[in-house]
PDB file of N, CA and C in Angstrom:
ATOM      1  N   UNK A   1       0.257  -9.748 -14.326  1.00  0.00           N
ATOM      2  CA  UNK A   1       0.895  -9.568 -15.270  1.00  0.00           C
ATOM      3  C   UNK A   1      -0.393  -8.458 -16.263  1.00  0.00           C
ATOM      4  N   UNK A   2       0.025  -7.780 -16.929  1.00  0.00           N
ATOM      5  CA  UNK A   2      -1.013  -6.824 -17.796  1.00  0.00           C
ATOM      6  C   UNK A   2      -0.774  -7.617 -19.087  1.00  0.00           C
ATOM      7  N   UNK A   3      -2.325  -7.569 -19.393  1.00  0.00           N
ATOM      8  CA  UNK A   3      -2.758  -7.757 -20.558  1.00  0.00           C
ATOM      9  C   UNK A   3      -2.523  -6.885 -21.977  1.00  0.00           C
ATOM     10  N   UNK A   4      -1.613  -7.686 -22.722  1.00  0.00           N
ATOM     11  CA  UNK A   4      -1.038  -6.598 -23.978  1.00  0.00           C
ATOM     12  C   UNK A   4      -1.868  -5.692 -24.314  1.00  0.00           C
ATOM     13  N   UNK A   5      -3.261  -5.871 -24.434  1.00  0.00           N
ATOM     14  CA  UNK A   5      -4.143  -4.460 -24.691  1.00  0.00           C
ATOM     15  C   UNK A   5      -4.150  -3.341 -23.800  1.00  0.00           C
ATOM     16  N   UNK A   6      -4.165  -4.183 -22.802  1.00  0.00           N
ATOM     17  CA  UNK A   6      -4.451  -3.188 -21.500  1.00  0.00           C
ATOM     18  C   UNK A   6      -3.000  -2.427 -21.547  1.00  0.00           C
ATOM     19  N   UNK A   7      -1.770  -2.932 -21.529  1.00  0.00           N
ATOM     20  CA  UNK A   7      -0.631  -2.440 -21.370  1.00  0.00           C
ATOM     21  C   UNK A   7      -0.183  -1.207 -22.747  1.00  0.00           C
ATOM     22  N   UNK A   8      -0.970  -1.901 -23.940  1.00  0.00           N
ATOM     23  CA  UNK A   8      -0.663  -0.585 -25.272  1.00  0.00           C
ATOM     24  C   UNK A   8      -1.529   0.546 -24.670  1.00  0.00           C
ATOM     25  N   UNK A   9      -3.053   0.388 -24.210  1.00  0.00           N
ATOM     26  CA  UNK A   9      -3.845   1.594 -23.829  1.00  0.00           C
ATOM     27  C   UNK A   9      -2.995   2.459 -22.552  1.00  0.00           C
ATOM     28  N   UNK A  10      -2.197   1.829 -21.962  1.00  0.00           N
ATOM     29  CA  UNK A  10      -1.707   2.558 -20.775  1.00  0.00           C
ATOM     30  C   UNK A  10      -0.585   3.535 -21.563  1.00  0.00           C
ATOM     31  N   UNK A  11       0.418   2.514 -22.405  1.00  0.00           N
ATOM     32  CA  UNK A  11       1.111   3.554 -23.347  1.00  0.00           C
ATOM     33  C   UNK A  11       0.689   4.687 -23.732  1.00  0.00           C
ATOM     34  N   UNK A  12      -0.397   4.349 -24.943  1.00  0.00           N
ATOM     35  CA  UNK A  12      -0.968   5.485 -25.368  1.00  0.00           C
ATOM     36  C   UNK A  12      -1.437   6.462 -24.633  1.00  0.00           C
ATOM     37  N   UNK A  13      -1.899   6.422 -23.484  1.00  0.00           N
ATOM     38  CA  UNK A  13      -2.545   7.172 -22.418  1.00  0.00           C
ATOM     39  C   UNK A  13      -1.176   8.276 -21.952  1.00  0.00           C
ATOM     40  N   UNK A  14      -0.010   7.540 -21.638  1.00  0.00           N
ATOM     41  CA  UNK A  14       0.713   8.222 -21.099  1.00  0.00           C
ATOM     42  C   UNK A  14       2.197   8.596 -21.721  1.00  0.00           C
ATOM     43  N   UNK A  15       2.097   8.314 -23.128  1.00  0.00           N
ATOM     44  CA  UNK A  15       3.700   8.435 -23.708  1.00  0.00           C
ATOM     45  C   UNK A  15       3.544  10.152 -23.792  1.00  0.00           C
ATOM     46  N   UNK A  16       4.728  10.479 -24.383  1.00  0.00           N
ATOM     47  CA  UNK A  16       5.097  11.830 -24.513  1.00  0.00           C
ATOM     48  C   UNK A  16       5.018  12.110 -25.904  1.00  0.00           C
ATOM     49  N   UNK A  17       5.330  11.163 -27.065  1.00  0.00           N
ATOM     50  CA  UNK A  17       5.291  10.985 -28.647  1.00  0.00           C
ATOM     51  C   UNK A  17       5.042   9.834 -29.261  1.00  0.00           C
ATOM     52  N   UNK A  18       5.221  10.046 -30.255  1.00  0.00           N
ATOM     53  CA  UNK A  18       4.281   8.467 -30.983  1.00  0.00           C
ATOM     54  C   UNK A  18       5.098   7.379 -30.661  1.00  0.00           C
ATOM     55  N   UNK A  19       6.568   7.212 -30.464  1.00  0.00           N
ATOM     56  CA  UNK A  19       7.026   6.193 -29.994  1.00  0.00           C
ATOM     57  C   UNK A  19       7.799   5.767 -28.804  1.00  0.00           C
ATOM     58  N   UNK A  20       6.814   6.798 -27.894  1.00  0.00           N
ATOM     59  CA  UNK A  20       7.480   6.953 -26.539  1.00  0.00           C
ATOM     60  C   UNK A  20       7.126   5.257 -25.862  1.00  0.00           C
ATOM     61  N   UNK A  21       8.004   4.449 -25.037  1.00  0.00           N
ATOM     62  CA  UNK A  21       7.275   3.499 -24.390  1.00  0.00           C
ATOM     63  C   UNK A  21       8.313   3.343 -23.220  1.00  0.00           C
ATOM     64  N   UNK A  22       8.954   4.502 -23.120  1.00  0.00           N
ATOM     65  CA  UNK A  22      10.024   3.610 -21.785  1.00  0.00           C
ATOM     66  C   UNK A  22      10.265   5.294 -21.036  1.00  0.00           C
ATOM     67  N   UNK A  23       9.483   6.318 -21.166  1.00  0.00           N
ATOM     68  CA  UNK A  23       9.505   7.363 -20.482  1.00  0.00           C
ATOM     69  C   UNK A  23       8.962   7.154 -19.116  1.00  0.00           C
ATOM     70  N   UNK A  24       9.493   7.750 -18.072  1.00  0.00           N
ATOM     71  CA  UNK A  24       9.438   7.276 -16.627  1.00  0.00           C
ATOM     72  C   UNK A  24       7.537   7.469 -16.547  1.00  0.00           C
ATOM     73  N   UNK A  25       7.344   8.518 -17.233  1.00  0.00           N
ATOM     74  CA  UNK A  25       5.425   8.633 -16.860  1.00  0.00           C
ATOM     75  C   UNK A  25       4.974   6.928 -17.187  1.00  0.00           C
ATOM     76  N   UNK A  26       5.609   6.576 -18.371  1.00  0.00           N
ATOM     77  CA  UNK A  26       4.799   5.262 -19.253  1.00  0.00           C
ATOM     78  C   UNK A  26       5.219   4.547 -17.857  1.00  0.00           C
ATOM     79  N   UNK A  27       6.092   4.285 -17.471  1.00  0.00           N
ATOM     80  CA  UNK A  27       6.729   3.214 -16.385  1.00  0.00           C
ATOM     81  C   UNK A  27       5.900   3.202 -15.084  1.00  0.00           C
ATOM     82  N   UNK A  28       5.859   4.553 -14.645  1.00  0.00           N
ATOM     83  CA  UNK A  28       5.272   5.000 -13.314  1.00  0.00           C
ATOM     84  C   UNK A  28       3.626   4.515 -13.795  1.00  0.00           C
ATOM     85  N   UNK A  29       3.071   4.331 -14.795  1.00  0.00           N
ATOM     86  CA  UNK A  29       1.775   4.035 -14.957  1.00  0.00           C
ATOM     87  C   UNK A  29       1.729   2.509 -14.935  1.00  0.00           C
ATOM     88  N   UNK A  30       2.574   1.682 -15.639  1.00  0.00           N
ATOM     89  CA  UNK A  30       2.571   0.500 -15.580  1.00  0.00           C
ATOM     90  C   UNK A  30       3.157   0.049 -14.461  1.00  0.00           C
ATOM     91  N   UNK A  31       3.362   0.130 -13.590  1.00  0.00           N
ATOM     92  CA  UNK A  31       3.790  -0.247 -12.225  1.00  0.00           C
ATOM     93  C   UNK A  31       2.656  -0.081 -11.706  1.00  0.00           C
ATOM     94  N   UNK A  32       1.812   1.186 -11.776  1.00  0.00           N
ATOM     95  CA  UNK A  32       0.789   1.724 -10.675  1.00  0.00           C
ATOM     96  C   UNK A  32      -0.031   0.636 -10.864  1.00  0.00           C
ATOM     97  N   UNK A  33      -0.516   0.680 -12.071  1.00  0.00           N
ATOM     98  CA  UNK A  33      -1.297  -0.336 -12.431  1.00  0.00           C
ATOM     99  C   UNK A  33      -1.372  -2.145 -12.155  1.00  0.00           C
ATOM    100  N   UNK A  34       0.168  -2.553 -11.994  1.00  0.00           N
ATOM    101  CA  UNK A  34       0.217  -3.899 -11.508  1.00  0.00           C
ATOM    102  C   UNK A  34       0.479  -3.714  -9.924  1.00  0.00           C
ATOM    103  N   UNK A  35       0.551  -2.913  -9.633  1.00  0.00           N
ATOM    104  CA  UNK A  35       0.482  -2.733  -8.004  1.00  0.00           C
ATOM    105  C   UNK A  35      -1.034  -2.643  -7.671  1.00  0.00           C
ATOM    106  N   UNK A  36      -1.630  -1.966  -8.545  1.00  0.00           N
ATOM    107  CA  UNK A  36      -3.341  -2.039  -8.182  1.00  0.00           C
ATOM    108  C   UNK A  36      -3.926  -3.589  -8.343  1.00  0.00           C
ATOM    109  N   UNK A  37      -3.349  -4.215  -9.519  1.00  0.00           N
ATOM    110  CA  UNK A  37      -3.801  -5.589  -9.480  1.00  0.00           C
ATOM    111  C   UNK A  37      -3.392  -6.460  -8.501  1.00  0.00           C
ATOM    112  N   UNK A  38      -2.234  -6.126  -7.949  1.00  0.00           N
ATOM    113  CA  UNK A  38      -1.133  -7.209  -6.777  1.00  0.00           C
ATOM    114  C   UNK A  38      -2.273  -6.955  -5.573  1.00  0.00           C
ATOM    115  N   UNK A  39      -2.771  -5.765  -5.367  1.00  0.00           N
ATOM    116  CA  UNK A  39      -3.553  -5.183  -4.227  1.00  0.00           C
ATOM    117  C   UNK A  39      -4.733  -6.009  -4.051  1.00  0.00           C
ATOM    118  N   UNK A  40      -5.528  -6.343  -4.974  1.00  0.00           N
ATOM    119  CA  UNK A  40      -6.718  -6.489  -5.271  1.00  0.00           C
ATOM    120  C   UNK A  40      -6.406  -8.468  -5.006  1.00  0.00           C
ATOM    121  N   UNK A  41      -5.387  -8.764  -5.722  1.00  0.00           N
ATOM    122  CA  UNK A  41      -4.866 -10.185  -5.349  1.00  0.00           C
ATOM    123  C   UNK A  41      -4.839 -10.595  -3.600  1.00  0.00           C
ATOM    124  N   UNK A  42      -4.406  -9.557  -3.266  1.00  0.00           N
ATOM    125  CA  UNK A  42      -4.377 -10.011  -1.784  1.00  0.00           C
ATOM    126  C   UNK A  42      -5.063  -9.950  -1.006  1.00  0.00           C
ATOM    127  N   UNK A  43      -6.425  -9.238  -1.432  1.00  0.00           N
ATOM    128  CA  UNK A  43      -7.775  -9.386  -0.605  1.00  0.00           C
ATOM    129  C   UNK A  43      -7.983 -10.753  -0.815  1.00  0.00           C
ATOM    130  N   UNK A  44      -7.852 -11.701  -1.444  1.00  0.00           N
ATOM    131  CA  UNK A  44      -8.410 -12.782  -1.203  1.00  0.00           C
ATOM    132  C   UNK A  44      -7.137 -13.789  -1.010  1.00  0.00           C
ATOM    133  N   UNK A  45      -6.036 -13.976  -1.130  1.00  0.00           N
ATOM    134  CA  UNK A  45      -4.989 -14.452  -0.805  1.00  0.00           C
ATOM    135  C   UNK A  45      -3.779 -14.093   0.042  1.00  0.00           C
ATOM    136  N   UNK A  46      -4.435 -13.767   1.314  1.00  0.00           N
ATOM    137  CA  UNK A  46      -3.303 -12.791   2.533  1.00  0.00           C
ATOM    138  C   UNK A  46      -2.275 -13.517   2.739  1.00  0.00           C
ATOM    139  N   UNK A  47      -1.813 -14.896   2.365  1.00  0.00           N
ATOM    140  CA  UNK A  47      -0.441 -15.502   2.727  1.00  0.00           C
ATOM    141  C   UNK A  47       0.298 -15.829   1.599  1.00  0.00           C
ATOM    142  N   UNK A  48       0.152 -14.990   0.507  1.00  0.00           N
ATOM    143  CA  UNK A  48       0.946 -15.115  -0.541  1.00  0.00           C
ATOM    144  C   UNK A  48       1.830 -14.069  -0.590  1.00  0.00           C
ATOM    145  N   UNK A  49       3.179 -14.838   0.310  1.00  0.00           N
ATOM    146  CA  UNK A  49       4.157 -13.850   0.499  1.00  0.00           C
ATOM    147  C   UNK A  49       5.216 -13.868  -0.358  1.00  0.00           C
ATOM    148  N   UNK A  50       5.411 -15.053  -1.289  1.00  0.00           N
ATOM    149  CA  UNK A  50       6.195 -14.381  -2.468  1.00  0.00           C
ATOM    150  C   UNK A  50       5.703 -13.354  -3.409  1.00  0.00           C
ATOM    151  N   UNK A  51       4.365 -13.297  -3.703  1.00  0.00           N
ATOM    152  CA  UNK A  51       3.851 -12.326  -4.256  1.00  0.00           C
ATOM    153  C   UNK A  51       3.996 -10.645  -3.702  1.00  0.00           C
ATOM    154  N   UNK A  52       3.871 -10.481  -2.243  1.00  0.00           N
ATOM    155  CA  UNK A  52       3.779  -9.670  -1.543  1.00  0.00           C
ATOM    156  C   UNK A  52       5.259  -9.285  -1.718  1.00  0.00           C
ATOM    157  N   UNK A  53       6.295 -10.032  -1.795  1.00  0.00           N
ATOM    158  CA  UNK A  53       7.942  -9.420  -1.971  1.00  0.00           C
ATOM    159  C   UNK A  53       8.350  -8.931  -3.221  1.00  0.00           C
ATOM    160  N   UNK A  54       7.379  -9.637  -4.247  1.00  0.00           N
ATOM    161  CA  UNK A  54       7.232  -8.762  -5.632  1.00  0.00           C
ATOM    162  C   UNK A  54       6.387  -7.467  -5.444  1.00  0.00           C
ATOM    163  N   UNK A  55       5.253  -7.615  -4.881  1.00  0.00           N
ATOM    164  CA  UNK A  55       4.332  -6.016  -4.804  1.00  0.00           C
ATOM    165  C   UNK A  55       5.643  -5.080  -3.969  1.00  0.00           C
ATOM    166  N   UNK A  56       6.084  -5.510  -2.936  1.00  0.00           N
ATOM    167  CA  UNK A  56       7.083  -4.064  -2.404  1.00  0.00           C
ATOM    168  C   UNK A  56       8.232  -3.879  -3.419  1.00  0.00           C
ATOM    169  N   UNK A  57       8.667  -4.642  -3.912  1.00  0.00           N
ATOM    170  CA  UNK A  57       9.733  -4.266  -4.887  1.00  0.00           C
ATOM    171  C   UNK A  57       9.125  -3.661  -6.150  1.00  0.00           C
ATOM    172  N   UNK A  58       8.210  -3.678  -6.305  1.00  0.00           N
ATOM    173  CA  UNK A  58       7.038  -2.617  -7.288  1.00  0.00           C
ATOM    174  C   UNK A  58       7.037  -1.121  -6.705  1.00  0.00           C
ATOM    175  N   UNK A  59       6.525  -1.422  -5.550  1.00  0.00           N
ATOM    176  CA  UNK A  59       6.348   0.121  -5.188  1.00  0.00           C
ATOM    177  C   UNK A  59       7.583   0.609  -5.049  1.00  0.00           C
ATOM    178  N   UNK A  60       8.821   0.064  -4.745  1.00  0.00           N
ATOM    179  CA  UNK A  60      10.176   0.765  -4.460  1.00  0.00           C
ATOM    180  C   UNK A  60      10.404   1.198  -5.463  1.00  0.00           C
ATOM    181  N   UNK A  61      10.656   0.503  -6.717  1.00  0.00           N
ATOM    182  CA  UNK A  61      10.868   0.854  -8.289  1.00  0.00           C
ATOM    183  C   UNK A  61      10.359   1.877  -8.571  1.00  0.00           C
ATOM    184  N   UNK A  62       8.359   1.701  -8.041  1.00  0.00           N
ATOM    185  CA  UNK A  62       7.669   3.556  -8.930  1.00  0.00           C
ATOM    186  C   UNK A  62       8.289   4.166  -7.651  1.00  0.00           C
ATOM    187  N   UNK A  63       8.603   4.189  -6.579  1.00  0.00           N
ATOM    188  CA  UNK A  63       9.082   5.497  -5.617  1.00  0.00           C
ATOM    189  C   UNK A  63      10.721   5.825  -5.846  1.00  0.00           C
ATOM    190  N   UNK A  64      11.321   5.149  -6.904  1.00  0.00           N
ATOM    191  CA  UNK A  64      12.575   5.734  -7.318  1.00  0.00           C
ATOM    192  C   UNK A  64      12.337   6.297  -8.661  1.00  0.00           C
ATOM    193  N   UNK A  65      11.811   5.701  -9.437  1.00  0.00           N
ATOM    194  CA  UNK A  65      11.239   6.523 -10.423  1.00  0.00           C
ATOM    195  C   UNK A  65      10.369   7.836 -10.449  1.00  0.00           C
ATOM    196  N   UNK A  66       9.255   7.913  -9.648  1.00  0.00           N
ATOM    197  CA  UNK A  66       8.741   9.414  -8.958  1.00  0.00           C
ATOM    198  C   UNK A  66       9.845  10.349  -8.638  1.00  0.00           C
ATOM    199  N   UNK A  67      11.041   9.621  -7.755  1.00  0.00           N
ATOM    200  CA  UNK A  67      11.782  10.625  -7.026  1.00  0.00           C
ATOM    201  C   UNK A  67      12.649  11.117  -8.235  1.00  0.00           C
ATOM    202  N   UNK A  68      12.814  10.550  -8.870  1.00  0.00           N
ATOM    203  CA  UNK A  68      14.023  10.641 -10.276  1.00  0.00           C
ATOM    204  C   UNK A  68      12.877  12.225 -11.191  1.00  0.00           C
ATOM    205  N   UNK A  69      12.156  11.785 -11.197  1.00  0.00           N
ATOM    206  CA  UNK A  69      11.110  12.727 -12.070  1.00  0.00           C
ATOM    207  C   UNK A  69      10.936  14.109 -11.284  1.00  0.00           C
ATOM    208  N   UNK A  70      10.706  14.040  -9.738  1.00  0.00           N
ATOM    209  CA  UNK A  70      10.631  15.262  -9.144  1.00  0.00           C
ATOM    210  C   UNK A  70      12.165  15.867  -9.386  1.00  0.00           C
ATOM    211  N   UNK A  71      13.188  15.415  -9.144  1.00  0.00           N
ATOM    212  CA  UNK A  71      14.264  15.603  -8.905  1.00  0.00           C
ATOM    213  C   UNK A  71      14.696  16.713 -10.439  1.00  0.00           C
ATOM    214  N   UNK A  72      14.257  16.123 -11.228  1.00  0.00           N
ATOM    215  CA  UNK A  72      14.674  16.348 -13.004  1.00  0.00           C
ATOM    216  C   UNK A  72      13.542  17.505 -13.162  1.00  0.00           C
ATOM    217  N   UNK A  73      12.353  17.378 -13.100  1.00  0.00           N
ATOM    218  CA  UNK A  73      11.058  17.841 -13.880  1.00  0.00           C
ATOM    219  C   UNK A  73       9.762  17.656 -12.920  1.00  0.00           C
ATOM    220  N   UNK A  74       9.813  18.990 -12.004  1.00  0.00           N
ATOM    221  CA  UNK A  74       8.817  18.819 -11.043  1.00  0.00           C
ATOM    222  C   UNK A  74       7.500  19.062 -12.043  1.00  0.00           C
ATOM    223  N   UNK A  75       7.525  19.732 -13.005  1.00  0.00           N
ATOM    224  CA  UNK A  75       5.841  19.739 -13.500  1.00  0.00           C
ATOM    225  C   UNK A  75       5.482  18.639 -14.181  1.00  0.00           C
ATOM    226  N   UNK A  76       6.506  17.937 -14.574  1.00  0.00           N
ATOM    227  CA  UNK A  76       5.766  16.122 -15.208  1.00  0.00           C
ATOM    228  C   UNK A  76       5.273  15.241 -13.775  1.00  0.00           C
ATOM    229  N   UNK A  77       6.102  15.549 -12.920  1.00  0.00           N
ATOM    230  CA  UNK A  77       6.339  14.956 -11.581  1.00  0.00           C
ATOM    231  C   UNK A  77       4.531  15.052 -11.167  1.00  0.00           C
ATOM    232  N   UNK A  78       4.370  16.714 -11.233  1.00  0.00           N
ATOM    233  CA  UNK A  78       2.794  16.886 -10.659  1.00  0.00           C
ATOM    234  C   UNK A  78       1.753  16.321 -11.575  1.00  0.00           C
ATOM    235  N   UNK A  79       1.993  16.394 -12.813  1.00  0.00           N
ATOM    236  CA  UNK A  79       1.126  15.766 -13.691  1.00  0.00           C
ATOM    237  C   UNK A  79       0.677  14.636 -13.558  1.00  0.00           C
ATOM    238  N   UNK A  80       1.514  13.839 -13.401  1.00  0.00           N
ATOM    239  CA  UNK A  80       1.648  12.146 -13.425  1.00  0.00           C
ATOM    240  C   UNK A  80       0.947  11.967 -12.174  1.00  0.00           C
ATOM    241  N   UNK A  81       1.362  12.496 -10.888  1.00  0.00           N
ATOM    242  CA  UNK A  81       0.448  12.526  -9.727  1.00  0.00           C
ATOM    243  C   UNK A  81      -0.938  12.414 -10.095  1.00  0.00           C
ATOM    244  N   UNK A  82      -1.093  13.593 -10.565  1.00  0.00           N
ATOM    245  CA  UNK A  82      -2.673  13.908 -10.862  1.00  0.00           C
ATOM    246  C   UNK A  82      -3.443  13.138 -11.799  1.00  0.00           C
ATOM    247  N   UNK A  83      -2.606  12.752 -12.642  1.00  0.00           N
ATOM    248  CA  UNK A  83      -3.490  11.744 -13.429  1.00  0.00           C
ATOM    249  C   UNK A  83      -3.455  10.232 -12.718  1.00  0.00           C
ATOM    250  N   UNK A  84      -2.804  10.114 -12.111  1.00  0.00           N
ATOM    251  CA  UNK A  84      -2.594   8.464 -11.275  1.00  0.00           C
ATOM    252  C   UNK A  84      -3.570   8.381 -10.072  1.00  0.00           C
ATOM    253  N   UNK A  85      -3.600   9.663  -9.791  1.00  0.00           N
ATOM    254  CA  UNK A  85      -4.310   9.747  -8.534  1.00  0.00           C
ATOM    255  C   UNK A  85      -3.393   9.362  -7.283  1.00  0.00           C
ATOM    256  N   UNK A  86      -2.203   9.077  -7.313  1.00  0.00           N
ATOM    257  CA  UNK A  86      -1.201   8.753  -6.181  1.00  0.00           C
ATOM    258  C   UNK A  86      -1.353   9.264  -4.925  1.00  0.00           C
ATOM    259  N   UNK A  87      -0.926  10.492  -4.979  1.00  0.00           N
ATOM    260  CA  UNK A  87      -1.047  11.497  -3.799  1.00  0.00           C
ATOM    261  C   UNK A  87      -2.481  12.004  -3.533  1.00  0.00           C
ATOM    262  N   UNK A  88      -2.602  12.418  -2.024  1.00  0.00           N
ATOM    263  CA  UNK A  88      -4.486  12.899  -2.055  1.00  0.00           C
ATOM    264  C   UNK A  88      -3.986  14.396  -2.163  1.00  0.00           C
TER     265      UNK A  88
END
């Protein structure tokens, strides 16, 4: 789980306007942070298969959001990809 302070800073960094908390960019950033935390967790807990299932669900949810963003606004998609460093 993300700490509330960390979550607010991510929302502040990726939001489109002052009250934006649910745009695809914000959701993708939050999911990416959680995916990164779980990836670190698996370096020490290789046999935690319950959390691994959660990680796979988070990755697929992020993939669906990225596909949606790419389909409807490719410029926003490119900006998010560049900011998060998801693609090489």
